[in-house]
Amino acid sequence: MEILQSAAPSKIVIKLDFFKPFEGHN
């Protein structure tokens, strides 16, 4: 996970990548 946007104190956007058990990018 990596925080792409952090606007205190109202919003946090995170890049979420799964590798196992299945690959997914959310």
PDB file of all heavy atoms in Angstrom:
ATOM      1  N   MET A   1       0.851  -1.187   0.000  1.00  0.00           N
ATOM      2  CA  MET A   1       0.000   0.000   0.000  1.00  0.00           C
ATOM      3  C   MET A   1       0.885   1.233   0.000  1.00  0.00           C
ATOM      4  O   MET A   1       1.954   1.231   0.614  1.00  0.00           O
ATOM      5  CB  MET A   1      -0.886   0.051   1.248  1.00  0.00           C
ATOM      6  CG  MET A   1      -1.873  -1.079   1.364  1.00  0.00           C
ATOM      7  SD  MET A   1      -3.045  -0.836   2.736  1.00  0.00           S
ATOM      8  CE  MET A   1      -2.007  -1.100   4.164  1.00  0.00           C
ATOM      9  N   GLU A   2       0.406   2.270  -0.670  1.00  0.00           N
ATOM     10  CA  GLU A   2       1.101   3.553  -0.643  1.00  0.00           C
ATOM     11  C   GLU A   2       0.074   4.664  -0.592  1.00  0.00           C
ATOM     12  O   GLU A   2      -0.892   4.671  -1.363  1.00  0.00           O
ATOM     13  CB  GLU A   2       1.982   3.734  -1.874  1.00  0.00           C
ATOM     14  CG  GLU A   2       2.732   5.050  -1.871  1.00  0.00           C
ATOM     15  CD  GLU A   2       3.643   5.235  -3.074  1.00  0.00           C
ATOM     16  OE1 GLU A   2       3.891   4.265  -3.808  1.00  0.00           O
ATOM     17  OE2 GLU A   2       4.088   6.377  -3.287  1.00  0.00           O
ATOM     18  N   ILE A   3       0.291   5.606   0.324  1.00  0.00           N
ATOM     19  CA  ILE A   3      -0.624   6.739   0.439  1.00  0.00           C
ATOM     20  C   ILE A   3      -0.334   7.715  -0.697  1.00  0.00           C
ATOM     21  O   ILE A   3       0.764   8.241  -0.811  1.00  0.00           O
ATOM     22  CB  ILE A   3      -0.509   7.430   1.810  1.00  0.00           C
ATOM     23  CG1 ILE A   3      -0.901   6.443   2.911  1.00  0.00           C
ATOM     24  CG2 ILE A   3      -1.386   8.691   1.852  1.00  0.00           C
ATOM     25  CD1 ILE A   3      -0.775   6.982   4.324  1.00  0.00           C
ATOM     26  N   LEU A   4      -1.334   7.905  -1.547  1.00  0.00           N
ATOM     27  CA  LEU A   4      -1.209   8.811  -2.695  1.00  0.00           C
ATOM     28  C   LEU A   4      -1.662  10.224  -2.364  1.00  0.00           C
ATOM     29  O   LEU A   4      -1.171  11.186  -2.934  1.00  0.00           O
ATOM     30  CB  LEU A   4      -2.037   8.286  -3.870  1.00  0.00           C
ATOM     31  CG  LEU A   4      -1.672   6.912  -4.414  1.00  0.00           C
ATOM     32  CD1 LEU A   4      -2.617   6.533  -5.553  1.00  0.00           C
ATOM     33  CD2 LEU A   4      -0.225   6.874  -4.870  1.00  0.00           C
ATOM     34  N   GLN A   5      -2.640  10.321  -1.461  1.00  0.00           N
ATOM     35  CA  GLN A   5      -3.198  11.625  -1.106  1.00  0.00           C
ATOM     36  C   GLN A   5      -3.542  11.617   0.378  1.00  0.00           C
ATOM     37  O   GLN A   5      -4.131  10.658   0.878  1.00  0.00           O
ATOM     38  CB  GLN A   5      -4.454  11.897  -1.933  1.00  0.00           C
ATOM     39  CG  GLN A   5      -5.128  13.201  -1.648  1.00  0.00           C
ATOM     40  CD  GLN A   5      -6.429  13.356  -2.439  1.00  0.00           C
ATOM     41  OE1 GLN A   5      -6.736  12.574  -3.328  1.00  0.00           O
ATOM     42  NE2 GLN A   5      -7.190  14.371  -2.099  1.00  0.00           N
ATOM     43  N   SER A   6      -3.171  12.676   1.056  1.00  0.00           N
ATOM     44  CA  SER A   6      -3.442  12.798   2.475  1.00  0.00           C
ATOM     45  C   SER A   6      -3.860  14.240   2.748  1.00  0.00           C
ATOM     46  O   SER A   6      -3.030  15.142   2.732  1.00  0.00           O
ATOM     47  CB  SER A   6      -2.184  12.438   3.274  1.00  0.00           C
ATOM     48  OG  SER A   6      -2.389  12.631   4.640  1.00  0.00           O
ATOM     49  N   ALA A   7      -5.150  14.439   2.939  1.00  0.00           N
ATOM     50  CA  ALA A   7      -5.690  15.778   3.186  1.00  0.00           C
ATOM     51  C   ALA A   7      -6.281  15.800   4.597  1.00  0.00           C
ATOM     52  O   ALA A   7      -7.442  15.447   4.806  1.00  0.00           O
ATOM     53  CB  ALA A   7      -6.746  16.122   2.141  1.00  0.00           C
ATOM     54  N   ALA A   8      -5.452  16.192   5.565  1.00  0.00           N
ATOM     55  CA  ALA A   8      -5.871  16.176   6.975  1.00  0.00           C
ATOM     56  C   ALA A   8      -6.991  17.171   7.214  1.00  0.00           C
ATOM     57  O   ALA A   8      -6.950  18.271   6.678  1.00  0.00           O
ATOM     58  CB  ALA A   8      -4.678  16.493   7.866  1.00  0.00           C
ATOM     59  N   PRO A   9      -7.957  16.843   8.034  1.00  0.00           N
ATOM     60  CA  PRO A   9      -8.240  15.520   8.574  1.00  0.00           C
ATOM     61  C   PRO A   9      -9.412  14.853   7.862  1.00  0.00           C
ATOM     62  O   PRO A   9     -10.215  14.178   8.482  1.00  0.00           O
ATOM     63  CB  PRO A   9      -8.605  15.837  10.020  1.00  0.00           C
ATOM     64  CG  PRO A   9      -9.395  17.125   9.896  1.00  0.00           C
ATOM     65  CD  PRO A   9      -8.745  17.871   8.743  1.00  0.00           C
ATOM     66  N   SER A  10      -9.508  15.029   6.546  1.00  0.00           N
ATOM     67  CA  SER A  10     -10.748  14.588   5.892  1.00  0.00           C
ATOM     68  C   SER A  10     -10.628  13.457   4.875  1.00  0.00           C
ATOM     69  O   SER A  10     -11.620  12.776   4.620  1.00  0.00           O
ATOM     70  CB  SER A  10     -11.408  15.787   5.204  1.00  0.00           C
ATOM     71  OG  SER A  10     -10.528  16.333   4.239  1.00  0.00           O
ATOM     72  N   LYS A  11      -9.433  13.225   4.279  1.00  0.00           N
ATOM     73  CA  LYS A  11      -9.392  12.217   3.224  1.00  0.00           C
ATOM     74  C   LYS A  11      -7.994  11.618   3.078  1.00  0.00           C
ATOM     75  O   LYS A  11      -6.991  12.329   3.132  1.00  0.00           O
ATOM     76  CB  LYS A  11      -9.811  12.824   1.885  1.00  0.00           C
ATOM     77  CG  LYS A  11      -9.942  11.828   0.760  1.00  0.00           C
ATOM     78  CD  LYS A  11     -10.511  12.504  -0.484  1.00  0.00           C
ATOM     79  CE  LYS A  11     -10.761  11.497  -1.588  1.00  0.00           C
ATOM     80  NZ  LYS A  11     -11.367  12.114  -2.759  1.00  0.00           N
ATOM     81  N   ILE A  12      -7.970  10.296   2.859  1.00  0.00           N
ATOM     82  CA  ILE A  12      -6.734   9.570   2.583  1.00  0.00           C
ATOM     83  C   ILE A  12      -7.018   8.633   1.420  1.00  0.00           C
ATOM     84  O   ILE A  12      -7.996   7.881   1.445  1.00  0.00           O
ATOM     85  CB  ILE A  12      -6.252   8.771   3.813  1.00  0.00           C
ATOM     86  CG1 ILE A  12      -5.958   9.724   4.975  1.00  0.00           C
ATOM     87  CG2 ILE A  12      -5.022   7.930   3.464  1.00  0.00           C
ATOM     88  CD1 ILE A  12      -5.760   9.037   6.308  1.00  0.00           C
ATOM     89  N   VAL A  13      -6.172   8.687   0.383  1.00  0.00           N
ATOM     90  CA  VAL A  13      -6.312   7.811  -0.779  1.00  0.00           C
ATOM     91  C   VAL A  13      -5.070   6.928  -0.838  1.00  0.00           C
ATOM     92  O   VAL A  13      -3.949   7.422  -0.782  1.00  0.00           O
ATOM     93  CB  VAL A  13      -6.456   8.619  -2.089  1.00  0.00           C
ATOM     94  CG1 VAL A  13      -6.555   7.690  -3.288  1.00  0.00           C
ATOM     95  CG2 VAL A  13      -7.671   9.540  -2.015  1.00  0.00           C
ATOM     96  N   ILE A  14      -5.302   5.631  -0.974  1.00  0.00           N
ATOM     97  CA  ILE A  14      -4.219   4.646  -0.919  1.00  0.00           C
ATOM     98  C   ILE A  14      -4.233   3.775  -2.170  1.00  0.00           C
ATOM     99  O   ILE A  14      -5.287   3.256  -2.565  1.00  0.00           O
ATOM    100  CB  ILE A  14      -4.383   3.745   0.328  1.00  0.00           C
ATOM    101  CG1 ILE A  14      -4.331   4.588   1.597  1.00  0.00           C
ATOM    102  CG2 ILE A  14      -3.322   2.637   0.352  1.00  0.00           C
ATOM    103  CD1 ILE A  14      -4.750   3.852   2.853  1.00  0.00           C
ATOM    104  N   LYS A  15      -3.066   3.608  -2.770  1.00  0.00           N
ATOM    105  CA  LYS A  15      -2.887   2.641  -3.849  1.00  0.00           C
ATOM    106  C   LYS A  15      -2.674   1.290  -3.172  1.00  0.00           C
ATOM    107  O   LYS A  15      -1.775   1.137  -2.338  1.00  0.00           O
ATOM    108  CB  LYS A  15      -1.683   3.009  -4.708  1.00  0.00           C
ATOM    109  CG  LYS A  15      -1.395   2.025  -5.811  1.00  0.00           C
ATOM    110  CD  LYS A  15      -0.139   2.421  -6.576  1.00  0.00           C
ATOM    111  CE  LYS A  15       0.162   1.364  -7.626  1.00  0.00           C
ATOM    112  NZ  LYS A  15       1.506   1.529  -8.165  1.00  0.00           N
ATOM    113  N   LEU A  16      -3.493   0.317  -3.522  1.00  0.00           N
ATOM    114  CA  LEU A  16      -3.495  -0.976  -2.855  1.00  0.00           C
ATOM    115  C   LEU A  16      -3.243  -2.072  -3.890  1.00  0.00           C
ATOM    116  O   LEU A  16      -4.055  -2.286  -4.782  1.00  0.00           O
ATOM    117  CB  LEU A  16      -4.849  -1.180  -2.168  1.00  0.00           C
ATOM    118  CG  LEU A  16      -5.153  -2.491  -1.496  1.00  0.00           C
ATOM    119  CD1 LEU A  16      -4.121  -2.818  -0.429  1.00  0.00           C
ATOM    120  CD2 LEU A  16      -6.550  -2.429  -0.882  1.00  0.00           C
ATOM    121  N   ASP A  17      -2.093  -2.733  -3.766  1.00  0.00           N
ATOM    122  CA  ASP A  17      -1.720  -3.791  -4.703  1.00  0.00           C
ATOM    123  C   ASP A  17      -1.605  -5.118  -3.964  1.00  0.00           C
ATOM    124  O   ASP A  17      -0.885  -5.213  -2.964  1.00  0.00           O
ATOM    125  CB  ASP A  17      -0.379  -3.473  -5.380  1.00  0.00           C
ATOM    126  CG  ASP A  17      -0.449  -2.230  -6.238  1.00  0.00           C
ATOM    127  OD1 ASP A  17      -1.401  -2.116  -7.032  1.00  0.00           O
ATOM    128  OD2 ASP A  17       0.444  -1.372  -6.115  1.00  0.00           O
ATOM    129  N   PHE A  18      -2.320  -6.116  -4.451  1.00  0.00           N
ATOM    130  CA  PHE A  18      -2.226  -7.472  -3.913  1.00  0.00           C
ATOM    131  C   PHE A  18      -1.395  -8.309  -4.880  1.00  0.00           C
ATOM    132  O   PHE A  18      -1.564  -8.214  -6.094  1.00  0.00           O
ATOM    133  CB  PHE A  18      -3.618  -8.101  -3.798  1.00  0.00           C
ATOM    134  CG  PHE A  18      -4.523  -7.382  -2.847  1.00  0.00           C
ATOM    135  CD1 PHE A  18      -5.515  -6.543  -3.335  1.00  0.00           C
ATOM    136  CD2 PHE A  18      -4.397  -7.542  -1.477  1.00  0.00           C
ATOM    137  CE1 PHE A  18      -6.367  -5.878  -2.471  1.00  0.00           C
ATOM    138  CE2 PHE A  18      -5.241  -6.876  -0.603  1.00  0.00           C
ATOM    139  CZ  PHE A  18      -6.231  -6.041  -1.107  1.00  0.00           C
ATOM    140  N   PHE A  19      -0.509  -9.130  -4.334  1.00  0.00           N
ATOM    141  CA  PHE A  19       0.314 -10.008  -5.163  1.00  0.00           C
ATOM    142  C   PHE A  19      -0.067 -11.472  -4.974  1.00  0.00           C
ATOM    143  O   PHE A  19      -0.095 -12.237  -5.930  1.00  0.00           O
ATOM    144  CB  PHE A  19       1.795  -9.802  -4.851  1.00  0.00           C
ATOM    145  CG  PHE A  19       2.218  -8.354  -4.943  1.00  0.00           C
ATOM    146  CD1 PHE A  19       2.842  -7.730  -3.878  1.00  0.00           C
ATOM    147  CD2 PHE A  19       1.958  -7.603  -6.081  1.00  0.00           C
ATOM    148  CE1 PHE A  19       3.217  -6.400  -3.954  1.00  0.00           C
ATOM    149  CE2 PHE A  19       2.330  -6.271  -6.160  1.00  0.00           C
ATOM    150  CZ  PHE A  19       2.961  -5.666  -5.089  1.00  0.00           C
ATOM    151  N   LYS A  20      -0.338 -11.877  -3.728  1.00  0.00           N
ATOM    152  CA  LYS A  20      -0.760 -13.232  -3.424  1.00  0.00           C
ATOM    153  C   LYS A  20      -1.976 -13.161  -2.511  1.00  0.00           C
ATOM    154  O   LYS A  20      -2.051 -12.246  -1.696  1.00  0.00           O
ATOM    155  CB  LYS A  20       0.349 -14.009  -2.693  1.00  0.00           C
ATOM    156  CG  LYS A  20       1.547 -14.349  -3.519  1.00  0.00           C
ATOM    157  CD  LYS A  20       2.541 -15.287  -2.829  1.00  0.00           C
ATOM    158  CE  LYS A  20       2.917 -14.891  -1.437  1.00  0.00           C
ATOM    159  NZ  LYS A  20       3.997 -15.618  -0.834  1.00  0.00           N
ATOM    160  N   PRO A  21      -2.903 -14.036  -2.525  1.00  0.00           N
ATOM    161  CA  PRO A  21      -2.954 -15.228  -3.363  1.00  0.00           C
ATOM    162  C   PRO A  21      -3.360 -14.936  -4.807  1.00  0.00           C
ATOM    163  O   PRO A  21      -3.139 -15.743  -5.690  1.00  0.00           O
ATOM    164  CB  PRO A  21      -3.992 -16.099  -2.684  1.00  0.00           C
ATOM    165  CG  PRO A  21      -4.912 -15.135  -2.007  1.00  0.00           C
ATOM    166  CD  PRO A  21      -4.045 -13.978  -1.610  1.00  0.00           C
ATOM    167  N   PHE A  22      -3.963 -13.758  -5.046  1.00  0.00           N
ATOM    168  CA  PHE A  22      -4.322 -13.357  -6.406  1.00  0.00           C
ATOM    169  C   PHE A  22      -3.854 -11.921  -6.613  1.00  0.00           C
ATOM    170  O   PHE A  22      -3.955 -11.097  -5.713  1.00  0.00           O
ATOM    171  CB  PHE A  22      -5.841 -13.411  -6.635  1.00  0.00           C
ATOM    172  CG  PHE A  22      -6.427 -14.771  -6.432  1.00  0.00           C
ATOM    173  CD1 PHE A  22      -7.160 -15.067  -5.304  1.00  0.00           C
ATOM    174  CD2 PHE A  22      -6.229 -15.764  -7.375  1.00  0.00           C
ATOM    175  CE1 PHE A  22      -7.694 -16.326  -5.105  1.00  0.00           C
ATOM    176  CE2 PHE A  22      -6.752 -17.023  -7.189  1.00  0.00           C
ATOM    177  CZ  PHE A  22      -7.491 -17.311  -6.047  1.00  0.00           C
ATOM    178  N   GLU A  23      -3.404 -11.627  -7.795  1.00  0.00           N
ATOM    179  CA  GLU A  23      -2.982 -10.265  -8.096  1.00  0.00           C
ATOM    180  C   GLU A  23      -4.206  -9.376  -8.268  1.00  0.00           C
ATOM    181  O   GLU A  23      -5.206  -9.772  -8.874  1.00  0.00           O
ATOM    182  CB  GLU A  23      -2.139 -10.240  -9.369  1.00  0.00           C
ATOM    183  CG  GLU A  23      -1.551  -8.873  -9.652  1.00  0.00           C
ATOM    184  CD  GLU A  23      -0.561  -8.874 -10.806  1.00  0.00           C
ATOM    185  OE1 GLU A  23      -0.151  -9.950 -11.261  1.00  0.00           O
ATOM    186  OE2 GLU A  23      -0.206  -7.765 -11.236  1.00  0.00           O
ATOM    187  N   GLY A  24      -4.116  -8.196  -7.710  1.00  0.00           N
ATOM    188  CA  GLY A  24      -5.184  -7.215  -7.837  1.00  0.00           C
ATOM    189  C   GLY A  24      -4.641  -5.832  -7.569  1.00  0.00           C
ATOM    190  O   GLY A  24      -3.712  -5.658  -6.774  1.00  0.00           O
ATOM    191  N   HIS A  25      -5.203  -4.852  -8.242  1.00  0.00           N
ATOM    192  CA  HIS A  25      -4.753  -3.465  -8.092  1.00  0.00           C
ATOM    193  C   HIS A  25      -5.987  -2.605  -7.849  1.00  0.00           C
ATOM    194  O   HIS A  25      -6.849  -2.495  -8.725  1.00  0.00           O
ATOM    195  CB  HIS A  25      -3.976  -3.015  -9.329  1.00  0.00           C
ATOM    196  CG  HIS A  25      -2.828  -3.942  -9.625  1.00  0.00           C
ATOM    197  ND1 HIS A  25      -1.649  -3.891  -8.931  1.00  0.00           N
ATOM    198  CD2 HIS A  25      -2.711  -4.963 -10.505  1.00  0.00           C
ATOM    199  CE1 HIS A  25      -0.833  -4.841  -9.385  1.00  0.00           C
ATOM    200  NE2 HIS A  25      -1.461  -5.500 -10.336  1.00  0.00           N
ATOM    201  N   ASN A  26      -6.042  -2.031  -6.660  1.00  0.00           N
ATOM    202  CA  ASN A  26      -7.216  -1.285  -6.239  1.00  0.00           C
ATOM    203  C   ASN A  26      -6.828   0.053  -5.631  1.00  0.00           C
ATOM    204  O   ASN A  26      -5.656   0.333  -5.405  1.00  0.00           O
ATOM    205  CB  ASN A  26      -8.007  -2.092  -5.201  1.00  0.00           C
ATOM    206  CG  ASN A  26      -8.506  -3.397  -5.762  1.00  0.00           C
ATOM    207  OD1 ASN A  26      -9.407  -3.412  -6.580  1.00  0.00           O
ATOM    208  ND2 ASN A  26      -7.909  -4.508  -5.349  1.00  0.00           N
TER     209      ASN A  26
END
